[in-house]
């Protein structure tokens, strides 16, 4: 069973993502509400996969992505964000994100992205 860390500054979005992941039989090993917390928890837990919001207080998802990839070049990270952030999405993909999911989250799209990455 894959261990996943869900990173989003909104409790509701973390809950939605957790529901989708647990429905797929995944273990949500940790949740973080900002990039700083995500980097700290990643170092401790080393999850198989991270879902990361882009826009968050204290440290955004792209900065956290870069720090996690510096620590673990093999880290598997899926970015999540609302539409209209094309430049940020491109930067995230250039910085090592494996995929990108648009909010509001769609169960089928989340499942497809995760299955593709964890194969």
PDB file of N, CA and C in Angstrom:
ATOM      1  N   UNK A   1       0.850  -1.194   0.000  1.00  0.00           N
ATOM      2  CA  UNK A   1       0.000   0.000   0.000  1.00  0.00           C
ATOM      3  C   UNK A   1       0.888   1.247   0.000  1.00  0.00           C
ATOM      4  N   UNK A   2       0.595   2.143  -0.908  1.00  0.00           N
ATOM      5  CA  UNK A   2       1.404   3.354  -1.022  1.00  0.00           C
ATOM      6  C   UNK A   2       1.052   4.353   0.075  1.00  0.00           C
ATOM      7  N   UNK A   3       2.086   4.969   0.636  1.00  0.00           N
ATOM      8  CA  UNK A   3       1.905   6.029   1.640  1.00  0.00           C
ATOM      9  C   UNK A   3       1.925   7.373   0.916  1.00  0.00           C
ATOM     10  N   UNK A   4       0.922   8.193   1.200  1.00  0.00           N
ATOM     11  CA  UNK A   4       0.790   9.477   0.517  1.00  0.00           C
ATOM     12  C   UNK A   4       0.735  10.612   1.535  1.00  0.00           C
ATOM     13  N   UNK A   5       1.343  11.748   1.180  1.00  0.00           N
ATOM     14  CA  UNK A   5       1.210  12.955   1.984  1.00  0.00           C
ATOM     15  C   UNK A   5       0.381  13.955   1.175  1.00  0.00           C
ATOM     16  N   UNK A   6      -0.650  14.515   1.824  1.00  0.00           N
ATOM     17  CA  UNK A   6      -1.537  15.486   1.192  1.00  0.00           C
ATOM     18  C   UNK A   6      -1.182  16.872   1.723  1.00  0.00           C
ATOM     19  N   UNK A   7      -0.854  17.797   0.807  1.00  0.00           N
ATOM     20  CA  UNK A   7      -0.455  19.146   1.202  1.00  0.00           C
ATOM     21  C   UNK A   7      -1.413  20.157   0.581  1.00  0.00           C
ATOM     22  N   UNK A   8      -2.156  20.859   1.440  1.00  0.00           N
ATOM     23  CA  UNK A   8      -3.075  21.902   0.980  1.00  0.00           C
ATOM     24  C   UNK A   8      -3.379  22.795   2.171  1.00  0.00           C
ATOM     25  N   UNK A   9      -3.490  24.099   1.937  1.00  0.00           N
ATOM     26  CA  UNK A   9      -3.759  24.999   3.062  1.00  0.00           C
ATOM     27  C   UNK A   9      -5.229  24.967   3.473  1.00  0.00           C
ATOM     28  N   UNK A  10      -6.083  24.309   2.695  1.00  0.00           N
ATOM     29  CA  UNK A  10      -7.506  24.243   3.010  1.00  0.00           C
ATOM     30  C   UNK A  10      -7.864  22.864   3.562  1.00  0.00           C
ATOM     31  N   UNK A  11      -8.402  22.836   4.772  1.00  0.00           N
ATOM     32  CA  UNK A  11      -8.778  21.561   5.400  1.00  0.00           C
ATOM     33  C   UNK A  11      -9.768  20.793   4.528  1.00  0.00           C
ATOM     34  N   UNK A  12     -10.704  21.519   3.900  1.00  0.00           N
ATOM     35  CA  UNK A  12     -11.701  20.856   3.065  1.00  0.00           C
ATOM     36  C   UNK A  12     -11.043  20.118   1.898  1.00  0.00           C
ATOM     37  N   UNK A  13     -10.071  20.760   1.241  1.00  0.00           N
ATOM     38  CA  UNK A  13      -9.394  20.117   0.101  1.00  0.00           C
ATOM     39  C   UNK A  13      -8.592  18.903   0.556  1.00  0.00           C
ATOM     40  N   UNK A  14      -7.968  19.001   1.729  1.00  0.00           N
ATOM     41  CA  UNK A  14      -7.239  17.837   2.259  1.00  0.00           C
ATOM     42  C   UNK A  14      -8.206  16.680   2.498  1.00  0.00           C
ATOM     43  N   UNK A  15      -9.388  17.014   3.027  1.00  0.00           N
ATOM     44  CA  UNK A  15     -10.397  15.986   3.305  1.00  0.00           C
ATOM     45  C   UNK A  15     -10.874  15.323   2.000  1.00  0.00           C
ATOM     46  N   UNK A  16     -11.124  16.126   0.973  1.00  0.00           N
ATOM     47  CA  UNK A  16     -11.570  15.585  -0.316  1.00  0.00           C
ATOM     48  C   UNK A  16     -10.496  14.662  -0.895  1.00  0.00           C
ATOM     49  N   UNK A  17      -9.246  15.129  -0.899  1.00  0.00           N
ATOM     50  CA  UNK A  17      -8.146  14.331  -1.449  1.00  0.00           C
ATOM     51  C   UNK A  17      -7.970  13.049  -0.630  1.00  0.00           C
ATOM     52  N   UNK A  18      -8.024  13.154   0.689  1.00  0.00           N
ATOM     53  CA  UNK A  18      -7.891  11.977   1.556  1.00  0.00           C
ATOM     54  C   UNK A  18      -8.966  10.939   1.199  1.00  0.00           C
ATOM     55  N   UNK A  19     -10.205  11.409   0.991  1.00  0.00           N
ATOM     56  CA  UNK A  19     -11.302  10.504   0.643  1.00  0.00           C
ATOM     57  C   UNK A  19     -11.032   9.754  -0.653  1.00  0.00           C
ATOM     58  N   UNK A  20     -10.529  10.468  -1.656  1.00  0.00           N
ATOM     59  CA  UNK A  20     -10.216   9.835  -2.952  1.00  0.00           C
ATOM     60  C   UNK A  20      -9.099   8.813  -2.773  1.00  0.00           C
ATOM     61  N   UNK A  21      -8.041   9.217  -2.071  1.00  0.00           N
ATOM     62  CA  UNK A  21      -6.880   8.337  -1.887  1.00  0.00           C
ATOM     63  C   UNK A  21      -7.234   7.084  -1.089  1.00  0.00           C
ATOM     64  N   UNK A  22      -7.958   7.282   0.017  1.00  0.00           N
ATOM     65  CA  UNK A  22      -8.334   6.128   0.834  1.00  0.00           C
ATOM     66  C   UNK A  22      -9.276   5.213   0.065  1.00  0.00           C
ATOM     67  N   UNK A  23     -10.113   5.792  -0.793  1.00  0.00           N
ATOM     68  CA  UNK A  23     -10.987   4.998  -1.652  1.00  0.00           C
ATOM     69  C   UNK A  23     -10.211   4.140  -2.632  1.00  0.00           C
ATOM     70  N   UNK A  24      -8.984   4.567  -2.963  1.00  0.00           N
ATOM     71  CA  UNK A  24      -8.099   3.801  -3.855  1.00  0.00           C
ATOM     72  C   UNK A  24      -7.273   2.789  -3.072  1.00  0.00           C
ATOM     73  N   UNK A  25      -7.454   2.753  -1.752  1.00  0.00           N
ATOM     74  CA  UNK A  25      -6.679   1.829  -0.930  1.00  0.00           C
ATOM     75  C   UNK A  25      -5.316   2.374  -0.521  1.00  0.00           C
ATOM     76  N   UNK A  26      -5.134   3.682  -0.619  1.00  0.00           N
ATOM     77  CA  UNK A  26      -3.860   4.304  -0.236  1.00  0.00           C
ATOM     78  C   UNK A  26      -3.870   4.634   1.255  1.00  0.00           C
ATOM     79  N   UNK A  27      -2.685   4.748   1.802  1.00  0.00           N
ATOM     80  CA  UNK A  27      -2.521   5.142   3.196  1.00  0.00           C
ATOM     81  C   UNK A  27      -2.119   6.614   3.217  1.00  0.00           C
ATOM     82  N   UNK A  28      -2.989   7.492   3.744  1.00  0.00           N
ATOM     83  CA  UNK A  28      -2.616   8.900   3.871  1.00  0.00           C
ATOM     84  C   UNK A  28      -1.772   9.014   5.142  1.00  0.00           C
ATOM     85  N   UNK A  29      -0.448   9.027   4.943  1.00  0.00           N
ATOM     86  CA  UNK A  29       0.502   8.967   6.051  1.00  0.00           C
ATOM     87  C   UNK A  29       0.663  10.310   6.755  1.00  0.00           C
ATOM     88  N   UNK A  30       0.373  11.403   6.043  1.00  0.00           N
ATOM     89  CA  UNK A  30       0.544  12.730   6.642  1.00  0.00           C
ATOM     90  C   UNK A  30      -0.248  13.765   5.855  1.00  0.00           C
ATOM     91  N   UNK A  31      -0.575  14.855   6.544  1.00  0.00           N
ATOM     92  CA  UNK A  31      -1.181  16.022   5.915  1.00  0.00           C
ATOM     93  C   UNK A  31      -0.401  17.245   6.361  1.00  0.00           C
ATOM     94  N   UNK A  32      -0.204  18.183   5.436  1.00  0.00           N
ATOM     95  CA  UNK A  32       0.483  19.430   5.770  1.00  0.00           C
ATOM     96  C   UNK A  32      -0.346  20.582   5.219  1.00  0.00           C
ATOM     97  N   UNK A  33      -0.293  21.741   5.931  1.00  0.00           N
ATOM     98  CA  UNK A  33      -1.089  22.875   5.456  1.00  0.00           C
ATOM     99  C   UNK A  33      -0.266  23.984   4.817  1.00  0.00           C
ATOM    100  N   UNK A  34       1.049  23.793   4.723  1.00  0.00           N
ATOM    101  CA  UNK A  34       1.878  24.739   3.972  1.00  0.00           C
ATOM    102  C   UNK A  34       3.170  24.043   3.548  1.00  0.00           C
ATOM    103  N   UNK A  35       3.922  24.726   2.701  1.00  0.00           N
ATOM    104  CA  UNK A  35       5.136  24.132   2.154  1.00  0.00           C
ATOM    105  C   UNK A  35       6.195  23.802   3.186  1.00  0.00           C
ATOM    106  N   UNK A  36       6.355  24.682   4.185  1.00  0.00           N
ATOM    107  CA  UNK A  36       7.362  24.426   5.228  1.00  0.00           C
ATOM    108  C   UNK A  36       7.066  23.125   5.961  1.00  0.00           C
ATOM    109  N   UNK A  37       5.804  22.971   6.349  1.00  0.00           N
ATOM    110  CA  UNK A  37       5.381  21.760   7.045  1.00  0.00           C
ATOM    111  C   UNK A  37       5.573  20.535   6.136  1.00  0.00           C
ATOM    112  N   UNK A  38       5.279  20.697   4.856  1.00  0.00           N
ATOM    113  CA  UNK A  38       5.423  19.596   3.893  1.00  0.00           C
ATOM    114  C   UNK A  38       6.874  19.120   3.811  1.00  0.00           C
ATOM    115  N   UNK A  39       7.808  20.059   3.737  1.00  0.00           N
ATOM    116  CA  UNK A  39       9.232  19.700   3.638  1.00  0.00           C
ATOM    117  C   UNK A  39       9.676  18.963   4.903  1.00  0.00           C
ATOM    118  N   UNK A  40       9.278  19.494   6.062  1.00  0.00           N
ATOM    119  CA  UNK A  40       9.622  18.851   7.346  1.00  0.00           C
ATOM    120  C   UNK A  40       9.083  17.431   7.425  1.00  0.00           C
ATOM    121  N   UNK A  41       7.798  17.282   7.094  1.00  0.00           N
ATOM    122  CA  UNK A  41       7.164  15.961   7.174  1.00  0.00           C
ATOM    123  C   UNK A  41       7.742  15.003   6.140  1.00  0.00           C
ATOM    124  N   UNK A  42       8.047  15.489   4.955  1.00  0.00           N
ATOM    125  CA  UNK A  42       8.611  14.621   3.911  1.00  0.00           C
ATOM    126  C   UNK A  42       9.912  13.999   4.405  1.00  0.00           C
ATOM    127  N   UNK A  43      10.733  14.835   5.047  1.00  0.00           N
ATOM    128  CA  UNK A  43      12.033  14.364   5.529  1.00  0.00           C
ATOM    129  C   UNK A  43      11.862  13.222   6.535  1.00  0.00           C
ATOM    130  N   UNK A  44      10.849  13.347   7.397  1.00  0.00           N
ATOM    131  CA  UNK A  44      10.579  12.325   8.421  1.00  0.00           C
ATOM    132  C   UNK A  44       9.962  11.064   7.842  1.00  0.00           C
ATOM    133  N   UNK A  45       8.937  11.253   6.989  1.00  0.00           N
ATOM    134  CA  UNK A  45       8.084  10.134   6.575  1.00  0.00           C
ATOM    135  C   UNK A  45       8.525   9.477   5.272  1.00  0.00           C
ATOM    136  N   UNK A  46       9.085  10.261   4.359  1.00  0.00           N
ATOM    137  CA  UNK A  46       9.457   9.783   3.024  1.00  0.00           C
ATOM    138  C   UNK A  46       8.300   9.010   2.366  1.00  0.00           C
ATOM    139  N   UNK A  47       7.166   9.684   2.143  1.00  0.00           N
ATOM    140  CA  UNK A  47       6.030   8.997   1.520  1.00  0.00           C
ATOM    141  C   UNK A  47       6.341   8.600   0.069  1.00  0.00           C
ATOM    142  N   UNK A  48       5.550   7.671  -0.457  1.00  0.00           N
ATOM    143  CA  UNK A  48       5.728   7.215  -1.844  1.00  0.00           C
ATOM    144  C   UNK A  48       5.266   8.277  -2.830  1.00  0.00           C
ATOM    145  N   UNK A  49       4.348   9.139  -2.365  1.00  0.00           N
ATOM    146  CA  UNK A  49       3.737  10.124  -3.256  1.00  0.00           C
ATOM    147  C   UNK A  49       3.292  11.333  -2.446  1.00  0.00           C
ATOM    148  N   UNK A  50       3.348  12.516  -3.076  1.00  0.00           N
ATOM    149  CA  UNK A  50       2.868  13.746  -2.441  1.00  0.00           C
ATOM    150  C   UNK A  50       1.896  14.428  -3.398  1.00  0.00           C
ATOM    151  N   UNK A  51       0.733  14.867  -2.874  1.00  0.00           N
ATOM    152  CA  UNK A  51      -0.140  15.756  -3.646  1.00  0.00           C
ATOM    153  C   UNK A  51       0.057  17.138  -3.031  1.00  0.00           C
ATOM    154  N   UNK A  52       0.399  18.114  -3.863  1.00  0.00           N
ATOM    155  CA  UNK A  52       0.833  19.427  -3.367  1.00  0.00           C
ATOM    156  C   UNK A  52       0.056  20.561  -4.019  1.00  0.00           C
ATOM    157  N   UNK A  53      -0.590  21.353  -3.183  1.00  0.00           N
ATOM    158  CA  UNK A  53      -1.241  22.577  -3.654  1.00  0.00           C
ATOM    159  C   UNK A  53      -0.145  23.570  -4.049  1.00  0.00           C
ATOM    160  N   UNK A  54      -0.423  24.458  -4.984  1.00  0.00           N
ATOM    161  CA  UNK A  54       0.581  25.460  -5.368  1.00  0.00           C
ATOM    162  C   UNK A  54       0.502  26.687  -4.465  1.00  0.00           C
ATOM    163  N   UNK A  55      -0.684  27.248  -4.291  1.00  0.00           N
ATOM    164  CA  UNK A  55      -0.826  28.507  -3.565  1.00  0.00           C
ATOM    165  C   UNK A  55      -1.104  28.263  -2.089  1.00  0.00           C
ATOM    166  N   UNK A  56      -0.091  28.521  -1.251  1.00  0.00           N
ATOM    167  CA  UNK A  56      -0.219  28.322   0.200  1.00  0.00           C
ATOM    168  C   UNK A  56       0.569  29.402   0.922  1.00  0.00           C
ATOM    169  N   UNK A  57       0.191  29.691   2.175  1.00  0.00           N
ATOM    170  CA  UNK A  57       0.952  30.673   2.964  1.00  0.00           C
ATOM    171  C   UNK A  57       2.300  30.095   3.410  1.00  0.00           C
ATOM    172  N   UNK A  58       3.172  30.948   3.871  1.00  0.00           N
ATOM    173  CA  UNK A  58       4.499  30.630   4.412  1.00  0.00           C
ATOM    174  C   UNK A  58       5.470  30.124   3.365  1.00  0.00           C
ATOM    175  N   UNK A  59       5.151  29.029   2.672  1.00  0.00           N
ATOM    176  CA  UNK A  59       5.987  28.569   1.563  1.00  0.00           C
ATOM    177  C   UNK A  59       5.050  27.951   0.536  1.00  0.00           C
ATOM    178  N   UNK A  60       5.120  28.412  -0.705  1.00  0.00           N
ATOM    179  CA  UNK A  60       4.199  27.867  -1.706  1.00  0.00           C
ATOM    180  C   UNK A  60       4.634  26.476  -2.163  1.00  0.00           C
ATOM    181  N   UNK A  61       3.769  25.847  -2.926  1.00  0.00           N
ATOM    182  CA  UNK A  61       4.008  24.472  -3.352  1.00  0.00           C
ATOM    183  C   UNK A  61       5.213  24.308  -4.255  1.00  0.00           C
ATOM    184  N   UNK A  62       5.516  25.318  -5.064  1.00  0.00           N
ATOM    185  CA  UNK A  62       6.670  25.199  -5.970  1.00  0.00           C
ATOM    186  C   UNK A  62       7.982  25.244  -5.185  1.00  0.00           C
ATOM    187  N   UNK A  63       8.068  26.138  -4.210  1.00  0.00           N
ATOM    188  CA  UNK A  63       9.268  26.197  -3.362  1.00  0.00           C
ATOM    189  C   UNK A  63       9.431  24.887  -2.586  1.00  0.00           C
ATOM    190  N   UNK A  64       8.320  24.361  -2.070  1.00  0.00           N
ATOM    191  CA  UNK A  64       8.369  23.093  -1.323  1.00  0.00           C
ATOM    192  C   UNK A  64       8.778  21.945  -2.245  1.00  0.00           C
ATOM    193  N   UNK A  65       8.222  21.932  -3.450  1.00  0.00           N
ATOM    194  CA  UNK A  65       8.574  20.916  -4.448  1.00  0.00           C
ATOM    195  C   UNK A  65      10.085  20.913  -4.691  1.00  0.00           C
ATOM    196  N   UNK A  66      10.652  22.103  -4.895  1.00  0.00           N
ATOM    197  CA  UNK A  66      12.093  22.204  -5.171  1.00  0.00           C
ATOM    198  C   UNK A  66      12.912  21.688  -3.992  1.00  0.00           C
ATOM    199  N   UNK A  67      12.518  22.059  -2.766  1.00  0.00           N
ATOM    200  CA  UNK A  67      13.265  21.603  -1.580  1.00  0.00           C
ATOM    201  C   UNK A  67      13.174  20.089  -1.408  1.00  0.00           C
ATOM    202  N   UNK A  68      11.980  19.538  -1.637  1.00  0.00           N
ATOM    203  CA  UNK A  68      11.809  18.088  -1.508  1.00  0.00           C
ATOM    204  C   UNK A  68      12.615  17.364  -2.585  1.00  0.00           C
ATOM    205  N   UNK A  69      12.589  17.880  -3.811  1.00  0.00           N
ATOM    206  CA  UNK A  69      13.356  17.242  -4.900  1.00  0.00           C
ATOM    207  C   UNK A  69      14.863  17.359  -4.653  1.00  0.00           C
ATOM    208  N   UNK A  70      15.320  18.440  -4.011  1.00  0.00           N
ATOM    209  CA  UNK A  70      16.744  18.555  -3.651  1.00  0.00           C
ATOM    210  C   UNK A  70      17.118  17.470  -2.648  1.00  0.00           C
ATOM    211  N   UNK A  71      16.218  17.224  -1.709  1.00  0.00           N
ATOM    212  CA  UNK A  71      16.430  16.236  -0.657  1.00  0.00           C
ATOM    213  C   UNK A  71      16.336  14.818  -1.219  1.00  0.00           C
ATOM    214  N   UNK A  72      15.382  14.610  -2.124  1.00  0.00           N
ATOM    215  CA  UNK A  72      15.105  13.285  -2.680  1.00  0.00           C
ATOM    216  C   UNK A  72      14.748  13.444  -4.157  1.00  0.00           C
ATOM    217  N   UNK A  73      15.752  13.324  -5.043  1.00  0.00           N
ATOM    218  CA  UNK A  73      15.515  13.519  -6.479  1.00  0.00           C
ATOM    219  C   UNK A  73      14.469  12.558  -7.062  1.00  0.00           C
ATOM    220  N   UNK A  74      14.198  11.465  -6.361  1.00  0.00           N
ATOM    221  CA  UNK A  74      13.218  10.485  -6.854  1.00  0.00           C
ATOM    222  C   UNK A  74      11.808  10.742  -6.320  1.00  0.00           C
ATOM    223  N   UNK A  75      11.628  11.819  -5.559  1.00  0.00           N
ATOM    224  CA  UNK A  75      10.314  12.121  -4.972  1.00  0.00           C
ATOM    225  C   UNK A  75       9.249  12.213  -6.063  1.00  0.00           C
ATOM    226  N   UNK A  76       8.089  11.623  -5.781  1.00  0.00           N
ATOM    227  CA  UNK A  76       6.965  11.659  -6.724  1.00  0.00           C
ATOM    228  C   UNK A  76       5.943  12.668  -6.206  1.00  0.00           C
ATOM    229  N   UNK A  77       5.757  13.743  -6.963  1.00  0.00           N
ATOM    230  CA  UNK A  77       4.894  14.839  -6.511  1.00  0.00           C
ATOM    231  C   UNK A  77       3.913  15.223  -7.616  1.00  0.00           C
ATOM    232  N   UNK A  78       2.628  15.286  -7.235  1.00  0.00           N
ATOM    233  CA  UNK A  78       1.578  15.746  -8.140  1.00  0.00           C
ATOM    234  C   UNK A  78       1.121  17.111  -7.630  1.00  0.00           C
ATOM    235  N   UNK A  79       1.166  18.111  -8.487  1.00  0.00           N
ATOM    236  CA  UNK A  79       0.726  19.449  -8.103  1.00  0.00           C
ATOM    237  C   UNK A  79      -0.782  19.577  -8.331  1.00  0.00           C
ATOM    238  N   UNK A  80      -1.432  20.334  -7.449  1.00  0.00           N
ATOM    239  CA  UNK A  80      -2.872  20.578  -7.560  1.00  0.00           C
ATOM    240  C   UNK A  80      -3.102  22.084  -7.473  1.00  0.00           C
ATOM    241  N   UNK A  81      -3.896  22.616  -8.383  1.00  0.00           N
ATOM    242  CA  UNK A  81      -4.192  24.030  -8.296  1.00  0.00           C
ATOM    243  C   UNK A  81      -5.396  24.391  -9.141  1.00  0.00           C
ATOM    244  N   UNK A  82      -5.939  25.555  -8.859  1.00  0.00           N
ATOM    245  CA  UNK A  82      -7.073  26.047  -9.631  1.00  0.00           C
ATOM    246  C   UNK A  82      -6.612  26.430 -11.038  1.00  0.00           C
ATOM    247  N   UNK A  83      -7.549  26.544 -11.933  1.00  0.00           N
ATOM    248  CA  UNK A  83      -7.239  26.942 -13.311  1.00  0.00           C
ATOM    249  C   UNK A  83      -6.624  28.336 -13.337  1.00  0.00           C
ATOM    250  N   UNK A  84      -6.004  28.644 -14.465  1.00  0.00           N
ATOM    251  CA  UNK A  84      -5.517  29.993 -14.658  1.00  0.00           C
ATOM    252  C   UNK A  84      -4.145  30.255 -14.069  1.00  0.00           C
ATOM    253  N   UNK A  85      -3.431  29.193 -13.722  1.00  0.00           N
ATOM    254  CA  UNK A  85      -2.078  29.368 -13.177  1.00  0.00           C
ATOM    255  C   UNK A  85      -1.065  28.663 -14.068  1.00  0.00           C
ATOM    256  N   UNK A  86      -1.235  28.836 -15.375  1.00  0.00           N
ATOM    257  CA  UNK A  86      -0.442  28.111 -16.363  1.00  0.00           C
ATOM    258  C   UNK A  86       1.068  28.274 -16.139  1.00  0.00           C
ATOM    259  N   UNK A  87       1.526  29.487 -15.879  1.00  0.00           N
ATOM    260  CA  UNK A  87       2.960  29.709 -15.686  1.00  0.00           C
ATOM    261  C   UNK A  87       3.482  28.938 -14.483  1.00  0.00           C
ATOM    262  N   UNK A  88       2.685  28.938 -13.407  1.00  0.00           N
ATOM    263  CA  UNK A  88       3.101  28.204 -12.207  1.00  0.00           C
ATOM    264  C   UNK A  88       3.128  26.703 -12.471  1.00  0.00           C
ATOM    265  N   UNK A  89       2.167  26.230 -13.228  1.00  0.00           N
ATOM    266  CA  UNK A  89       2.113  24.805 -13.569  1.00  0.00           C
ATOM    267  C   UNK A  89       3.355  24.418 -14.361  1.00  0.00           C
ATOM    268  N   UNK A  90       3.696  25.225 -15.359  1.00  0.00           N
ATOM    269  CA  UNK A  90       4.878  24.937 -16.176  1.00  0.00           C
ATOM    270  C   UNK A  90       6.141  24.953 -15.314  1.00  0.00           C
ATOM    271  N   UNK A  91       6.232  25.912 -14.400  1.00  0.00           N
ATOM    272  CA  UNK A  91       7.400  25.965 -13.515  1.00  0.00           C
ATOM    273  C   UNK A  91       7.462  24.722 -12.632  1.00  0.00           C
ATOM    274  N   UNK A  92       6.302  24.287 -12.125  1.00  0.00           N
ATOM    275  CA  UNK A  92       6.250  23.089 -11.281  1.00  0.00           C
ATOM    276  C   UNK A  92       6.713  21.868 -12.066  1.00  0.00           C
ATOM    277  N   UNK A  93       6.255  21.731 -13.297  1.00  0.00           N
ATOM    278  CA  UNK A  93       6.649  20.577 -14.116  1.00  0.00           C
ATOM    279  C   UNK A  93       8.143  20.636 -14.440  1.00  0.00           C
ATOM    280  N   UNK A  94       8.650  21.829 -14.741  1.00  0.00           N
ATOM    281  CA  UNK A  94      10.094  21.981 -15.001  1.00  0.00           C
ATOM    282  C   UNK A  94      10.914  21.677 -13.752  1.00  0.00           C
ATOM    283  N   UNK A  95      10.316  21.919 -12.586  1.00  0.00           N
ATOM    284  CA  UNK A  95      11.028  21.711 -11.318  1.00  0.00           C
ATOM    285  C   UNK A  95      10.925  20.268 -10.816  1.00  0.00           C
ATOM    286  N   UNK A  96      10.249  19.416 -11.568  1.00  0.00           N
ATOM    287  CA  UNK A  96      10.252  18.003 -11.209  1.00  0.00           C
ATOM    288  C   UNK A  96       8.920  17.393 -10.808  1.00  0.00           C
ATOM    289  N   UNK A  97       7.833  18.158 -10.869  1.00  0.00           N
ATOM    290  CA  UNK A  97       6.525  17.560 -10.573  1.00  0.00           C
ATOM    291  C   UNK A  97       6.211  16.531 -11.664  1.00  0.00           C
ATOM    292  N   UNK A  98       5.598  15.413 -11.269  1.00  0.00           N
ATOM    293  CA  UNK A  98       5.273  14.371 -12.247  1.00  0.00           C
ATOM    294  C   UNK A  98       3.983  14.660 -12.997  1.00  0.00           C
ATOM    295  N   UNK A  99       3.069  15.378 -12.362  1.00  0.00           N
ATOM    296  CA  UNK A  99       1.781  15.615 -13.007  1.00  0.00           C
ATOM    297  C   UNK A  99       1.121  16.811 -12.356  1.00  0.00           C
ATOM    298  N   UNK A 100      -0.022  17.187 -12.907  1.00  0.00           N
ATOM    299  CA  UNK A 100      -0.732  18.352 -12.439  1.00  0.00           C
ATOM    300  C   UNK A 100      -2.221  18.074 -12.492  1.00  0.00           C
ATOM    301  N   UNK A 101      -2.920  18.356 -11.420  1.00  0.00           N
ATOM    302  CA  UNK A 101      -4.360  18.150 -11.343  1.00  0.00           C
ATOM    303  C   UNK A 101      -5.033  19.493 -11.083  1.00  0.00           C
ATOM    304  N   UNK A 102      -6.065  19.778 -11.860  1.00  0.00           N
ATOM    305  CA  UNK A 102      -6.793  21.032 -11.709  1.00  0.00           C
ATOM    306  C   UNK A 102      -7.907  20.876 -10.680  1.00  0.00           C
ATOM    307  N   UNK A 103      -8.057  21.892  -9.825  1.00  0.00           N
ATOM    308  CA  UNK A 103      -9.171  21.929  -8.875  1.00  0.00           C
ATOM    309  C   UNK A 103     -10.365  22.581  -9.557  1.00  0.00           C
ATOM    310  N   UNK A 104     -11.586  22.254  -9.198  1.00  0.00           N
ATOM    311  CA  UNK A 104     -11.944  21.281  -8.160  1.00  0.00           C
ATOM    312  C   UNK A 104     -11.522  19.862  -8.569  1.00  0.00           C
ATOM    313  N   UNK A 105     -11.130  19.077  -7.570  1.00  0.00           N
ATOM    314  CA  UNK A 105     -10.631  17.729  -7.821  1.00  0.00           C
ATOM    315  C   UNK A 105     -11.717  16.843  -8.433  1.00  0.00           C
ATOM    316  N   UNK A 106     -11.306  16.097  -9.437  1.00  0.00           N
ATOM    317  CA  UNK A 106     -12.195  15.101 -10.031  1.00  0.00           C
ATOM    318  C   UNK A 106     -11.586  13.732  -9.744  1.00  0.00           C
ATOM    319  N   UNK A 107     -12.374  12.891  -9.110  1.00  0.00           N
ATOM    320  CA  UNK A 107     -11.909  11.572  -8.668  1.00  0.00           C
ATOM    321  C   UNK A 107     -11.192  10.810  -9.788  1.00  0.00           C
ATOM    322  N   UNK A 108     -11.795  10.752 -10.974  1.00  0.00           N
ATOM    323  CA  UNK A 108     -11.201   9.990 -12.079  1.00  0.00           C
ATOM    324  C   UNK A 108      -9.831  10.524 -12.462  1.00  0.00           C
ATOM    325  N   UNK A 109      -9.704  11.845 -12.495  1.00  0.00           N
ATOM    326  CA  UNK A 109      -8.427  12.468 -12.884  1.00  0.00           C
ATOM    327  C   UNK A 109      -7.355  12.206 -11.828  1.00  0.00           C
ATOM    328  N   UNK A 110      -7.727  12.272 -10.550  1.00  0.00           N
ATOM    329  CA  UNK A 110      -6.773  11.997  -9.468  1.00  0.00           C
ATOM    330  C   UNK A 110      -6.305  10.546  -9.566  1.00  0.00           C
ATOM    331  N   UNK A 111      -7.248   9.633  -9.728  1.00  0.00           N
ATOM    332  CA  UNK A 111      -6.911   8.202  -9.816  1.00  0.00           C
ATOM    333  C   UNK A 111      -5.995   7.926 -11.005  1.00  0.00           C
ATOM    334  N   UNK A 112      -6.311   8.540 -12.138  1.00  0.00           N
ATOM    335  CA  UNK A 112      -5.504   8.329 -13.344  1.00  0.00           C
ATOM    336  C   UNK A 112      -4.060   8.814 -13.122  1.00  0.00           C
ATOM    337  N   UNK A 113      -3.900   9.992 -12.555  1.00  0.00           N
ATOM    338  CA  UNK A 113      -2.564  10.556 -12.313  1.00  0.00           C
ATOM    339  C   UNK A 113      -1.761   9.663 -11.365  1.00  0.00           C
ATOM    340  N   UNK A 114      -2.405   9.215 -10.298  1.00  0.00           N
ATOM    341  CA  UNK A 114      -1.705   8.403  -9.295  1.00  0.00           C
ATOM    342  C   UNK A 114      -1.314   7.048  -9.862  1.00  0.00           C
ATOM    343  N   UNK A 115      -2.222   6.418 -10.581  1.00  0.00           N
ATOM    344  CA  UNK A 115      -1.901   5.103 -11.162  1.00  0.00           C
ATOM    345  C   UNK A 115      -0.748   5.214 -12.148  1.00  0.00           C
ATOM    346  N   UNK A 116      -0.733   6.276 -12.936  1.00  0.00           N
ATOM    347  CA  UNK A 116       0.325   6.477 -13.918  1.00  0.00           C
ATOM    348  C   UNK A 116       1.696   6.609 -13.219  1.00  0.00           C
ATOM    349  N   UNK A 117       1.717   7.359 -12.130  1.00  0.00           N
ATOM    350  CA  UNK A 117       2.974   7.625 -11.435  1.00  0.00           C
ATOM    351  C   UNK A 117       3.476   6.438 -10.638  1.00  0.00           C
ATOM    352  N   UNK A 118       2.564   5.699 -10.033  1.00  0.00           N
ATOM    353  CA  UNK A 118       2.984   4.600  -9.146  1.00  0.00           C
ATOM    354  C   UNK A 118       3.189   3.268  -9.873  1.00  0.00           C
ATOM    355  N   UNK A 119       2.970   3.248 -11.177  1.00  0.00           N
ATOM    356  CA  UNK A 119       3.176   1.994 -11.924  1.00  0.00           C
ATOM    357  C   UNK A 119       4.637   1.607 -11.962  1.00  0.00           C
TER     358      UNK A 119
END
